[in-house]
Structures are given as C-alpha cells and as structure tokens.
C-alpha cells in the first residue's frame, strides 16, 4: 500500500502539469501572434506609464549616474528617426547633388586649359611645410569620410552585400581609424590656419571674382586674384571652420557626457552628420578642380611648382606682388631671376 501511495504522489502531479500546459498552449500561441497596435492605447484601465509615453518620464535613482533616472525621452525618438532616415537622405542629396553638378559642369565646360599654353618654366607656389599641412589634412579627411560614411550607411548597404561578419570587422576597424585619425586631421587644420590665414582674408577683388564666376565659364577670361582667389578662400574657411566644428562635435561623441547631457549628445550627432555631408561635398569640388577640372592645378600641391602661364592666368595679383610679369606674351625670358628661387612665388630655374 505505501508503494502505491508513493507512485500516486509521483505520477499525479506530472499528469496535472501536463494537462495545464496543454490547456495554456493555445492562449500562449495567441499572444505570440498578436501585433502591437500602431495607435497608443486609450482604455482607462491600461497602465498609466504606457499612456504617457509621449512625454518625458523621469524617476529617481540612488546611484551617482543621475541620467539613468530618465525612462522615456521624446527627443530620443526624433533623433533616432534622423539617425535612421532623414540624416541618410539629406547626406545622399547633398553629396550626390554635388557629384551630379560636377559631372554636368564637366560635360558643359570640359577641362579648363591654360589658354596661352605652358610657358615651359615654373615658379614656386607652395613650400614643403605648406604641402605637408595640406596632405596631412587631406589624407586624414579621406579616411575619416570613408569610415564615417560606412558607419552611417553600413547597415543598409554593406550588410546585404558582405554579410554581418564582414561588416562587423570593417565597422570595428573603421571606428578605431575614425577616432585616432581625428587628431592629425585637427593638427593639419591648425597648421593651414597659421600658414595661410593672412592670404585668405576677404578683399574687394573677391567680389569681382565672384561676379565673373572665377572665369570658369569664359575660355581664357580669368579675373585677377591674389595668392588665393575667392573660391579658394571659401573652401579654406569652410574646411577650417567646418573641420573644427566636426572635431568639437566628434570629440563630444567620442567622450560622452563630459560636456553635455543626452540632448546635447543628440545635437552633436546631428551637427556631425550634416557637417560631414557638407564638407564631403565641398571636398568633391576641390578635388575636381585640382585634378581633371583644371590643367596645371594639381602641380601646386603635387610638387609645389606651377607653370608660369598658369599663374599669370589664375593668380595675376599674386605675381604682381612678386615683381613678375603677368603678360603671357612676355614669355619666361622676361621673368626676373636675381631673387632666391626657393622663396614662395619666385621663379624656379
């Protein structure tokens, strides 16, 4: 008899549990199949916390990190929507629009040639320190732009193409490259600011340059400009001021909550995203002019020397300050040779 009682006490609970699970299975499956309604609940008996999700919900915490007391932050929804949708759309429009505009301009205008032809003699335009500052900034910016764009567009673009594992490896490398190369980028900007600020102060001649479109639309008709024309000055100040804004907002993201709270972090991210799109678009134009867009322009930063006739056509005002003839009919034989050929702007043998 005791043996039968022990058997009953062991078997009956198991049978009851099995019956309960079988009865509960349809209800559980029905709960899994339910889809949350798109509209917020309106029934009085529903939880008050869920009813108030449209506003900020904040409680109290005993730990030092007080920002964790915020349960719901409405601005976070707006930031997430910008992060996942509007930021990408705006960036594509700005950068893609610049590329499309440059393509149309190239088809319409073609390569801007040296109207008088090459003089066969060059003058020093940039010293080694100038070119070092330029290329330090340029190479750092290229890596920063590529890694930044990968972080923005990586998930919707790269994961379908390369898979999750490949994207994870690239994103991890991109994050470290993006963070560490920000420091040489800032150094390059500060060097350019010190080296070139005196030649990038706006002046009256810049208005004439702008009114004439820099001579880009008229073959052989280039308005007189100093060491830097109005277009180069606009690029200079955009890169300097925009680059410093990118650095400040980027460091706020790199070292979170040192200078601001959650709202400030979200604003910094928006500034960083939009600023990146503008800077990349401006650099597209800069690269275009310095490569396929204008004959002889790349030489200035390639080896520091530019053709004499190129300088006469594009920077006649700068040549005047150096005592060099600006008339392309004079030829290289009329250029003074008694000065130090290693000084910026003077003729090189």
Protein backbone atom coordinates (compact mmCIF):
# COMPACT_ATOMS: atom_id res chain seq x y z
CA UNK A 1 0.00 0.00 0.00
CA UNK A 2 2.75 2.53 0.78
CA UNK A 3 4.28 1.66 -2.57
CA UNK A 4 1.01 2.58 -4.35
CA UNK A 5 0.78 5.91 -2.47
CA UNK A 6 4.30 6.83 -3.41
CA UNK A 7 3.54 6.03 -7.07
CA UNK A 8 0.40 8.19 -6.97
CA UNK A 9 2.22 11.14 -5.41
CA UNK A 10 4.83 10.98 -8.15
CA UNK A 11 2.60 10.45 -11.18
CA UNK A 12 -0.41 12.64 -10.40
CA UNK A 13 1.48 15.98 -10.17
CA UNK A 14 3.14 15.26 -13.50
CA UNK A 15 -0.21 14.49 -15.13
CA UNK A 16 -1.75 17.68 -13.72
CA UNK A 17 1.20 19.74 -15.03
CA UNK A 18 0.84 18.20 -18.50
CA UNK A 19 -2.89 18.96 -18.57
CA UNK A 20 -2.23 22.56 -17.53
CA UNK A 21 0.39 23.11 -20.23
CA UNK A 22 -1.87 21.65 -22.90
CA UNK A 23 -4.66 23.97 -21.86
CA UNK A 24 -2.43 27.03 -21.78
CA UNK A 25 -0.69 26.38 -25.12
CA UNK A 26 -3.41 27.91 -27.37
CA UNK A 27 -3.56 31.06 -25.26
CA UNK A 28 0.22 31.42 -25.31
CA UNK A 29 0.33 30.94 -29.08
CA UNK A 30 -2.38 33.57 -29.50
CA UNK A 31 -0.31 36.05 -27.50
CA UNK A 32 2.74 35.41 -29.71
CA UNK A 33 0.71 36.04 -32.85
CA UNK A 34 -0.56 39.42 -31.69
CA UNK A 35 0.83 42.54 -33.34
CA UNK A 36 1.02 45.79 -31.30
CA UNK A 37 -1.48 48.38 -32.46
CA UNK A 38 0.00 51.42 -34.25
CA UNK A 39 -2.04 53.81 -32.10
CA UNK A 40 -1.43 54.34 -28.38
CA UNK A 41 -3.94 52.64 -26.04
CA UNK A 42 -6.86 54.71 -24.88
CA UNK A 43 -8.62 52.47 -22.36
CA UNK A 44 -8.81 53.86 -18.84
CA UNK A 45 -7.78 50.60 -17.24
CA UNK A 46 -4.49 50.43 -19.16
CA UNK A 47 -1.18 51.10 -17.49
CA UNK A 48 -0.52 54.80 -16.85
CA UNK A 49 3.14 54.52 -17.85
CA UNK A 50 2.17 53.29 -21.29
CA UNK A 51 -0.40 56.03 -21.64
CA UNK A 52 2.22 58.77 -21.01
CA UNK A 53 4.92 57.57 -23.39
CA UNK A 54 4.58 60.73 -25.50
CA UNK A 55 6.12 62.82 -22.72
CA UNK A 56 9.30 62.62 -20.72
CA UNK A 57 9.17 60.10 -17.88
CA UNK A 58 11.81 60.50 -15.20
CA UNK A 59 12.19 58.90 -11.81
CA UNK A 60 14.81 58.81 -9.09
CA UNK A 61 17.94 56.70 -8.71
CA UNK A 62 20.31 56.25 -5.81
CA UNK A 63 23.38 55.68 -7.98
CA UNK A 64 25.69 58.58 -8.98
CA UNK A 65 24.71 58.44 -12.66
CA UNK A 66 21.58 60.60 -12.48
CA UNK A 67 20.81 60.47 -16.22
CA UNK A 68 19.74 56.84 -15.82
CA UNK A 69 16.65 58.11 -13.99
CA UNK A 70 15.17 59.09 -17.37
CA UNK A 71 12.94 56.26 -18.59
CA UNK A 72 11.45 57.90 -21.68
CA UNK A 73 12.86 60.88 -23.62
CA UNK A 74 10.70 62.14 -26.53
CA UNK A 75 13.68 63.86 -28.22
CA UNK A 76 15.27 60.46 -28.49
CA UNK A 77 12.57 59.36 -30.91
CA UNK A 78 13.24 62.37 -33.14
CA UNK A 79 16.98 61.71 -33.02
CA UNK A 80 16.52 58.03 -33.87
CA UNK A 81 14.33 58.95 -36.84
CA UNK A 82 17.01 61.38 -38.04
CA UNK A 83 19.73 58.81 -37.45
CA UNK A 84 17.99 56.04 -39.39
CA UNK A 85 16.20 58.01 -42.09
CA UNK A 86 16.44 61.77 -42.54
CA UNK A 87 20.18 62.01 -41.93
CA UNK A 88 20.89 59.46 -44.63
CA UNK A 89 18.52 61.09 -47.11
CA UNK A 90 19.97 64.59 -46.57
CA UNK A 91 23.54 63.29 -46.85
CA UNK A 92 22.78 61.48 -50.10
CA UNK A 93 21.09 64.55 -51.59
CA UNK A 94 23.95 66.92 -50.65
CA UNK A 95 26.83 64.67 -51.75
CA UNK A 96 25.06 63.15 -54.74
CA UNK A 97 23.89 66.57 -55.87
CA UNK A 98 27.45 67.87 -55.86
CA UNK A 99 28.71 64.89 -57.90
CA UNK A 100 25.88 65.31 -60.39
CA UNK A 101 26.55 69.05 -60.68
CA UNK A 102 30.26 68.48 -61.29
CA UNK A 103 29.50 65.87 -63.95
CA UNK A 104 27.16 68.25 -65.76
CA UNK A 105 29.70 71.09 -65.50
CA UNK A 106 32.45 68.88 -66.92
CA UNK A 107 30.26 67.87 -69.85
CA UNK A 108 29.39 71.52 -70.49
CA UNK A 109 32.76 73.18 -69.85
CA UNK A 110 35.30 70.41 -70.13
CA UNK A 111 38.80 70.70 -68.73
CA UNK A 112 39.94 74.28 -68.11
CA UNK A 113 43.12 74.59 -70.13
CA UNK A 114 45.98 77.07 -69.90
CA UNK A 115 44.83 79.45 -72.64
CA UNK A 116 48.34 80.65 -73.54
CA UNK A 117 49.81 77.17 -73.29
CA UNK A 118 52.55 76.14 -70.91
CA UNK A 119 55.42 78.62 -70.64
CA UNK A 120 57.98 75.90 -70.08
CA UNK A 121 59.07 77.43 -66.79
CA UNK A 122 57.65 77.06 -63.29
CA UNK A 123 57.50 79.18 -60.17
CA UNK A 124 57.35 78.05 -56.57
CA UNK A 125 53.83 78.29 -55.20
CA UNK A 126 53.91 76.18 -52.04
CA UNK A 127 56.80 75.31 -49.76
CA UNK A 128 57.23 71.79 -48.29
CA UNK A 129 55.63 72.83 -44.99
CA UNK A 130 52.55 74.04 -46.89
CA UNK A 131 52.23 70.79 -48.77
CA UNK A 132 52.76 68.74 -45.60
CA UNK A 133 49.89 70.55 -43.87
CA UNK A 134 47.66 70.08 -46.93
CA UNK A 135 48.32 66.37 -47.39
CA UNK A 136 48.16 65.63 -43.67
CA UNK A 137 44.68 67.15 -43.60
CA UNK A 138 43.64 65.61 -46.92
CA UNK A 139 44.67 62.01 -46.17
CA UNK A 140 43.19 62.14 -42.69
CA UNK A 141 39.94 63.56 -44.03
CA UNK A 142 39.62 60.89 -46.71
CA UNK A 143 39.87 58.10 -44.12
CA UNK A 144 37.54 59.96 -41.74
CA UNK A 145 34.99 60.48 -44.52
CA UNK A 146 35.07 56.85 -45.69
CA UNK A 147 34.82 55.38 -42.20
CA UNK A 148 32.14 57.89 -41.20
CA UNK A 149 30.04 57.09 -44.25
CA UNK A 150 30.47 53.39 -43.50
CA UNK A 151 29.07 53.93 -40.02
CA UNK A 152 26.12 55.87 -41.45
CA UNK A 153 25.27 53.71 -44.48
CA UNK A 154 26.92 50.44 -43.46
CA UNK A 155 23.92 48.55 -42.19
CA UNK A 156 21.50 49.13 -45.08
CA UNK A 157 24.21 48.93 -47.79
CA UNK A 158 27.13 46.76 -46.68
CA UNK A 159 25.38 44.03 -44.68
CA UNK A 160 23.31 42.84 -47.70
CA UNK A 161 26.47 42.86 -49.84
CA UNK A 162 29.12 41.42 -47.50
CA UNK A 163 27.20 39.89 -44.60
CA UNK A 164 27.17 40.59 -40.87
CA UNK A 165 30.61 39.21 -40.02
CA UNK A 166 32.44 41.20 -42.70
CA UNK A 167 30.55 44.36 -41.78
CA UNK A 168 31.37 43.86 -38.09
CA UNK A 169 35.09 43.62 -38.85
CA UNK A 170 35.03 46.66 -41.15
CA UNK A 171 32.94 48.70 -38.72
CA UNK A 172 35.27 47.89 -35.82
CA UNK A 173 38.33 48.89 -37.83
CA UNK A 174 36.52 51.98 -39.10
CA UNK A 175 35.61 53.07 -35.58
CA UNK A 176 39.22 52.99 -34.37
CA UNK A 177 40.54 54.62 -37.55
CA UNK A 178 37.88 57.32 -37.31
CA UNK A 179 38.71 58.10 -33.68
CA UNK A 180 42.51 58.15 -33.89
CA UNK A 181 42.88 59.93 -37.24
CA UNK A 182 40.81 62.83 -35.94
CA UNK A 183 43.93 64.10 -34.14
CA UNK A 184 46.20 64.50 -37.22
CA UNK A 185 43.20 65.99 -39.04
CA UNK A 186 42.88 68.73 -36.42
CA UNK A 187 46.64 69.27 -36.46
CA UNK A 188 46.58 69.75 -40.22
CA UNK A 189 43.72 72.26 -39.98
CA UNK A 190 45.55 74.29 -37.34
CA UNK A 191 48.73 74.27 -39.46
CA UNK A 192 46.83 75.52 -42.52
CA UNK A 193 45.16 78.20 -40.43
CA UNK A 194 48.51 79.52 -39.23
CA UNK A 195 50.23 79.25 -42.62
CA UNK A 196 47.50 80.67 -44.88
CA UNK A 197 45.16 82.85 -42.86
CA UNK A 198 46.88 86.08 -43.95
CA UNK A 199 46.30 85.22 -47.62
CA UNK A 200 42.66 84.19 -47.10
CA UNK A 201 41.27 87.43 -45.68
CA UNK A 202 38.34 88.55 -47.90
CA UNK A 203 39.02 91.65 -50.00
CA UNK A 204 37.27 93.81 -52.59
CA UNK A 205 38.81 91.95 -55.53
CA UNK A 206 36.98 88.82 -54.39
CA UNK A 207 33.64 90.40 -55.30
CA UNK A 208 34.82 90.89 -58.88
CA UNK A 209 36.00 87.29 -59.00
CA UNK A 210 32.60 86.08 -57.81
CA UNK A 211 30.67 88.31 -60.25
CA UNK A 212 32.69 86.88 -63.14
CA UNK A 213 32.26 83.31 -61.92
CA UNK A 214 36.01 82.92 -61.50
CA UNK A 215 36.38 82.83 -65.27
CA UNK A 216 35.22 79.22 -65.33
CA UNK A 217 32.54 79.92 -67.92
CA UNK A 218 34.67 82.06 -70.25
CA UNK A 219 37.61 80.50 -72.03
CA UNK A 220 40.78 82.47 -71.33
CA UNK A 221 38.99 85.19 -69.31
CA UNK A 222 40.14 84.86 -65.69
CA UNK A 223 39.63 87.69 -63.17
CA UNK A 224 42.72 88.86 -61.33
CA UNK A 225 43.30 87.20 -57.97
CA UNK A 226 45.90 87.20 -55.24
CA UNK A 227 47.63 84.15 -53.85
CA UNK A 228 44.17 82.64 -53.24
CA UNK A 229 41.07 83.56 -55.21
CA UNK A 230 37.58 83.95 -53.75
CA UNK A 231 36.67 80.34 -54.46
CA UNK A 232 39.76 79.04 -52.70
CA UNK A 233 39.06 81.35 -49.76
CA UNK A 234 35.55 79.97 -49.43
CA UNK A 235 36.92 76.43 -49.47
CA UNK A 236 39.59 77.38 -46.93
CA UNK A 237 37.14 78.84 -44.42
CA UNK A 238 34.64 76.04 -44.97
CA UNK A 239 37.31 73.43 -44.22
CA UNK A 240 38.79 75.32 -41.26
CA UNK A 241 35.53 76.28 -39.55
CA UNK A 242 33.66 73.16 -40.63
CA UNK A 243 36.56 70.92 -39.69
CA UNK A 244 36.82 72.44 -36.22
CA UNK A 245 33.04 72.05 -35.79
CA UNK A 246 33.38 68.41 -36.83
CA UNK A 247 36.22 67.96 -34.35
CA UNK A 248 34.27 69.51 -31.47
CA UNK A 249 31.09 67.56 -32.13
CA UNK A 250 33.10 64.40 -32.79
CA UNK A 251 35.02 64.64 -29.51
CA UNK A 252 31.72 65.19 -27.69
CA UNK A 253 30.58 61.87 -29.16
CA UNK A 254 33.93 60.19 -28.51
CA UNK A 255 33.93 61.25 -24.85
CA UNK A 256 30.21 61.14 -23.99
CA UNK A 257 28.62 63.21 -21.24
CA UNK A 258 31.79 65.12 -20.30
CA UNK A 259 30.46 68.39 -21.69
CA UNK A 260 26.73 67.82 -22.09
CA UNK A 261 23.81 65.52 -21.39
CA UNK A 262 21.69 63.30 -23.60
CA UNK A 263 20.08 66.15 -25.52
CA UNK A 264 23.48 67.73 -26.19
CA UNK A 265 24.83 64.40 -27.43
CA UNK A 266 21.95 64.10 -29.87
CA UNK A 267 22.52 67.64 -31.15
CA UNK A 268 26.25 66.92 -31.54
CA UNK A 269 25.44 63.85 -33.63
CA UNK A 270 23.09 65.83 -35.90
CA UNK A 271 25.74 68.55 -36.36
CA UNK A 272 28.40 65.92 -37.07
CA UNK A 273 26.25 64.16 -39.66
CA UNK A 274 25.14 67.26 -41.56
CA UNK A 275 28.58 68.86 -41.33
CA UNK A 276 30.14 65.73 -42.77
CA UNK A 277 27.80 65.83 -45.77
CA UNK A 278 28.64 69.49 -46.46
CA UNK A 279 32.39 69.01 -46.05
CA UNK A 280 32.45 65.95 -48.29
CA UNK A 281 30.50 67.84 -50.96
CA UNK A 282 32.92 70.79 -50.78
CA UNK A 283 35.92 68.47 -50.99
CA UNK A 284 34.39 66.82 -54.08
CA UNK A 285 34.51 70.22 -55.77
CA UNK A 286 38.03 70.87 -54.51
CA UNK A 287 39.29 67.51 -55.81
CA UNK A 288 37.57 68.06 -59.15
CA UNK A 289 39.26 71.44 -59.75
CA UNK A 290 42.60 70.12 -58.56
CA UNK A 291 42.59 67.10 -60.87
CA UNK A 292 40.50 66.67 -64.02
CA UNK A 293 38.84 70.08 -63.86
CA UNK A 294 41.81 72.40 -64.42
CA UNK A 295 45.09 71.93 -66.24
CA UNK A 296 48.15 72.59 -64.09
CA UNK A 297 46.26 72.97 -60.80
CA UNK A 298 47.48 69.73 -59.22
CA UNK A 299 51.11 70.75 -59.64
CA UNK A 300 50.72 73.34 -56.89
CA UNK A 301 50.32 70.67 -54.22
CA UNK A 302 51.97 67.88 -56.20
CA UNK A 303 55.49 69.31 -56.25
CA UNK A 304 54.97 72.91 -55.17
CA UNK A 305 55.75 74.33 -58.63
CA UNK A 306 53.22 75.74 -61.11
CA UNK A 307 53.60 76.74 -64.72
CA UNK A 308 54.27 80.44 -65.17
CA UNK A 309 51.40 80.98 -67.61
CA UNK A 310 49.02 79.12 -65.28
CA UNK A 311 49.93 81.53 -62.51
CA UNK A 312 49.56 84.50 -64.87
CA UNK A 313 46.05 83.48 -65.86
CA UNK A 314 44.73 82.49 -62.43
CA UNK A 315 46.74 84.50 -59.88
CA UNK A 316 47.99 87.63 -61.63
CA UNK A 317 47.60 89.73 -58.49
CA UNK A 318 49.91 87.39 -56.60
CA UNK A 319 52.56 87.61 -59.34
CA UNK A 320 52.45 91.42 -59.20
CA UNK A 321 53.40 91.33 -55.52
CA UNK A 322 56.43 89.27 -56.52
CA UNK A 323 57.50 91.65 -59.30
CA UNK A 324 56.83 89.08 -62.02
CA UNK A 325 55.33 89.96 -65.41
CA UNK A 326 51.67 88.99 -65.74
CA UNK A 327 51.60 89.27 -69.55
CA UNK A 328 51.61 85.83 -71.12
CA UNK A 329 53.15 87.38 -74.28
CA UNK A 330 56.34 88.22 -72.39
CA UNK A 331 57.35 84.62 -72.06
CA UNK A 332 59.69 83.21 -69.41
CA UNK A 333 62.68 85.30 -70.62
CA UNK A 334 61.11 88.46 -69.14
CA UNK A 335 60.89 86.99 -65.63
CA UNK A 336 63.39 88.31 -63.04
CA UNK A 337 66.00 85.75 -62.00
CA UNK A 338 68.01 87.69 -59.42
CA UNK A 339 65.90 86.60 -56.43
CA UNK A 340 66.12 83.47 -54.31
CA UNK A 341 64.46 80.72 -56.36
CA UNK A 342 63.49 78.88 -53.19
CA UNK A 343 61.21 81.66 -51.91
CA UNK A 344 57.47 81.12 -52.42
CA UNK A 345 56.17 82.73 -55.60
CA UNK A 346 59.55 83.32 -57.23
CA UNK A 347 60.69 81.64 -60.44
CA UNK A 348 62.48 78.33 -60.30
CA UNK A 349 65.21 77.56 -62.80
